[in-house]
């Protein structure tokens, strides 16, 4: 049996937003893994007032989650301060997660990183993760929890998110 304390779950913005719409952020703790938030992802989900921004920020604060610092956010903020060049915004959360997971190689022994994503483009892209890391979709994660008996219904979480206004991806991975 593996030591769950050596597994770090790093959710992207999409899964956090979906789970916040479903009022189900706590499902991220069900496997007993350490949940951490990458600073750029935290910035993405809280920089604007949205239906989920306050809920996610409160959840991170209440649970005292470690916010992983990255060069990606620092660079984004520096460019933003310069003001003359609009900063690139797309995929910065994923880039920051990739940066954090690459840094895991410096930890001895390296933890297992689980990148939780929702954007279907990531599933098909050559998103580089070190050999000690995995990428898992929100839907696959919820089904994993259901199969383990930790969650009564993955479909119920999806249904609640959609009914609350989330445009949740209907794509399944791997595709049939």
Protein backbone atom coordinates (compact mmCIF):
# COMPACT_ATOMS: atom_id res chain seq x y z
CA UNK A 1 0.00 0.00 0.00
CA UNK A 2 1.35 3.41 -0.99
CA UNK A 3 1.84 6.25 1.47
CA UNK A 4 -0.81 8.80 0.43
CA UNK A 5 1.19 11.62 2.03
CA UNK A 6 3.61 11.32 -0.90
CA UNK A 7 0.88 12.09 -3.43
CA UNK A 8 0.25 15.75 -4.21
CA UNK A 9 -2.94 16.76 -6.02
CA UNK A 10 -2.62 19.98 -8.03
CA UNK A 11 -5.97 21.01 -9.52
CA UNK A 12 -6.20 23.37 -12.46
CA UNK A 13 -8.77 26.18 -12.52
CA UNK A 14 -11.42 24.16 -14.39
CA UNK A 15 -11.86 21.40 -11.81
CA UNK A 16 -11.90 23.96 -8.97
CA UNK A 17 -14.62 25.95 -10.72
CA UNK A 18 -16.70 22.86 -11.55
CA UNK A 19 -16.47 21.50 -8.01
CA UNK A 20 -17.28 24.93 -6.56
CA UNK A 21 -20.41 25.12 -8.74
CA UNK A 22 -21.39 21.69 -7.38
CA UNK A 23 -20.53 22.76 -3.81
CA UNK A 24 -18.18 19.76 -3.75
CA UNK A 25 -14.63 21.09 -3.38
CA UNK A 26 -14.07 18.78 -0.42
CA UNK A 27 -14.13 15.72 -2.70
CA UNK A 28 -10.52 16.64 -3.49
CA UNK A 29 -9.58 15.41 0.00
CA UNK A 30 -11.30 12.01 -0.32
CA UNK A 31 -8.24 10.01 -1.46
CA UNK A 32 -6.23 11.33 1.51
CA UNK A 33 -3.69 13.04 -0.74
CA UNK A 34 -2.14 16.43 -0.04
CA UNK A 35 -4.03 19.09 -2.00
CA UNK A 36 -2.02 22.11 -3.06
CA UNK A 37 -2.91 25.07 -5.25
CA UNK A 38 -0.43 26.58 -7.68
CA UNK A 39 -0.26 30.38 -7.30
CA UNK A 40 -1.11 31.09 -10.95
CA UNK A 41 -4.21 28.88 -10.72
CA UNK A 42 -5.23 30.66 -7.50
CA UNK A 43 -4.77 33.96 -9.30
CA UNK A 44 -6.86 32.75 -12.26
CA UNK A 45 -9.81 31.66 -10.10
CA UNK A 46 -9.83 34.72 -7.84
CA UNK A 47 -8.66 37.70 -9.95
CA UNK A 48 -12.21 38.48 -11.09
CA UNK A 49 -15.45 38.27 -9.18
CA UNK A 50 -17.24 35.19 -10.50
CA UNK A 51 -19.96 32.90 -9.15
CA UNK A 52 -17.20 30.69 -7.68
CA UNK A 53 -14.26 33.00 -6.90
CA UNK A 54 -15.20 33.71 -3.28
CA UNK A 55 -16.12 30.09 -2.57
CA UNK A 56 -12.76 28.83 -3.87
CA UNK A 57 -10.78 31.50 -2.01
CA UNK A 58 -12.64 30.74 1.24
CA UNK A 59 -12.14 26.99 0.77
CA UNK A 60 -8.38 27.41 0.23
CA UNK A 61 -8.14 29.68 3.29
CA UNK A 62 -10.33 27.52 5.54
CA UNK A 63 -8.38 24.39 4.69
CA UNK A 64 -5.03 26.18 4.97
CA UNK A 65 -3.92 24.81 1.62
CA UNK A 66 -0.35 25.41 0.56
CA UNK A 67 -0.17 27.78 -2.39
CA UNK A 68 2.82 26.71 -4.48
CA UNK A 69 4.85 29.70 -5.68
CA UNK A 70 5.97 29.70 -9.32
CA UNK A 71 8.08 31.80 -11.65
CA UNK A 72 5.09 31.78 -14.00
CA UNK A 73 2.96 34.02 -11.75
CA UNK A 74 5.92 36.24 -10.89
CA UNK A 75 6.64 36.78 -14.59
CA UNK A 76 2.94 37.39 -15.34
CA UNK A 77 2.78 40.04 -12.60
CA UNK A 78 5.99 41.75 -13.81
CA UNK A 79 4.70 42.01 -17.37
CA UNK A 80 1.33 43.22 -16.12
CA UNK A 81 3.03 46.02 -14.12
CA UNK A 82 4.89 47.21 -17.21
CA UNK A 83 1.50 47.90 -18.75
CA UNK A 84 2.63 48.33 -22.33
CA UNK A 85 2.30 44.68 -23.35
CA UNK A 86 -0.86 42.71 -22.57
CA UNK A 87 0.24 39.64 -20.62
CA UNK A 88 -0.44 36.23 -22.10
CA UNK A 89 -3.26 34.71 -20.07
CA UNK A 90 -4.19 31.45 -21.74
CA UNK A 91 -2.67 28.25 -20.37
CA UNK A 92 -0.64 30.01 -17.66
CA UNK A 93 -2.20 27.90 -14.90
CA UNK A 94 -1.27 24.73 -16.74
CA UNK A 95 2.23 26.09 -17.37
CA UNK A 96 2.61 26.88 -13.65
CA UNK A 97 1.43 23.38 -12.70
CA UNK A 98 3.92 21.91 -15.14
CA UNK A 99 6.63 24.07 -13.53
CA UNK A 100 5.64 22.88 -10.03
CA UNK A 101 5.62 19.24 -11.09
CA UNK A 102 9.06 19.60 -12.67
CA UNK A 103 10.28 20.97 -9.35
CA UNK A 104 9.11 17.73 -7.69
CA UNK A 105 12.20 16.11 -9.23
CA UNK A 106 14.29 18.10 -6.73
CA UNK A 107 12.54 16.46 -3.77
CA UNK A 108 14.08 13.24 -2.51
CA UNK A 109 12.21 11.00 -2.91
CA UNK A 110 10.07 12.81 -5.46
CA UNK A 111 6.35 12.81 -4.65
CA UNK A 112 3.74 11.58 -7.09
CA UNK A 113 2.04 14.59 -8.63
CA UNK A 114 -1.54 14.36 -9.84
CA UNK A 115 -2.52 17.16 -12.22
CA UNK A 116 -6.31 17.48 -12.19
CA UNK A 117 -7.53 19.13 -15.37
CA UNK A 118 -10.77 19.78 -17.17
CA UNK A 119 -9.77 21.37 -20.43
CA UNK A 120 -10.12 18.67 -23.09
CA UNK A 121 -7.24 20.24 -25.05
CA UNK A 122 -4.85 19.17 -22.28
CA UNK A 123 -5.94 15.55 -22.53
CA UNK A 124 -4.93 15.44 -26.17
CA UNK A 125 -1.94 17.79 -25.99
CA UNK A 126 1.63 16.83 -25.40
CA UNK A 127 1.48 18.41 -21.95
CA UNK A 128 4.76 17.30 -20.43
CA UNK A 129 4.58 15.70 -16.99
CA UNK A 130 7.54 14.03 -15.31
CA UNK A 131 7.42 10.24 -14.92
CA UNK A 132 6.38 10.60 -11.27
CA UNK A 133 3.33 12.67 -12.25
CA UNK A 134 -0.06 11.92 -13.78
CA UNK A 135 -2.75 13.97 -15.49
CA UNK A 136 -6.34 13.11 -14.66
CA UNK A 137 -9.58 14.70 -15.85
CA UNK A 138 -12.22 15.89 -13.41
CA UNK A 139 -14.64 13.25 -14.71
CA UNK A 140 -12.07 10.43 -14.33
CA UNK A 141 -11.23 11.64 -10.80
CA UNK A 142 -14.91 11.63 -9.79
CA UNK A 143 -15.37 8.14 -11.26
CA UNK A 144 -12.26 6.97 -9.36
CA UNK A 145 -13.80 8.26 -6.11
CA UNK A 146 -17.07 6.52 -6.93
CA UNK A 147 -15.31 3.23 -7.76
CA UNK A 148 -13.43 3.38 -4.44
CA UNK A 149 -16.75 3.83 -2.62
CA UNK A 150 -15.79 7.30 -1.34
CA UNK A 151 -18.40 9.09 -3.43
CA UNK A 152 -21.98 7.97 -3.89
CA UNK A 153 -22.32 9.30 -7.44
CA UNK A 154 -19.90 11.00 -9.82
CA UNK A 155 -22.83 11.83 -12.09
CA UNK A 156 -24.56 13.63 -9.23
CA UNK A 157 -21.60 15.99 -8.79
CA UNK A 158 -21.60 16.67 -12.54
CA UNK A 159 -25.37 17.22 -12.50
CA UNK A 160 -25.16 19.70 -9.61
CA UNK A 161 -22.39 21.65 -11.34
CA UNK A 162 -24.36 21.85 -14.60
CA UNK A 163 -27.62 22.79 -12.82
CA UNK A 164 -25.74 25.57 -11.00
CA UNK A 165 -24.57 27.03 -14.31
CA UNK A 166 -21.28 25.29 -15.10
CA UNK A 167 -20.65 24.45 -18.74
CA UNK A 168 -18.99 21.13 -17.94
CA UNK A 169 -17.20 19.28 -20.72
CA UNK A 170 -19.23 16.41 -22.14
CA UNK A 171 -16.16 14.72 -23.55
CA UNK A 172 -14.95 11.49 -21.95
CA UNK A 173 -11.29 10.48 -21.80
CA UNK A 174 -9.97 8.25 -23.00
CA UNK A 175 -12.38 8.44 -25.89
CA UNK A 176 -14.01 5.26 -27.08
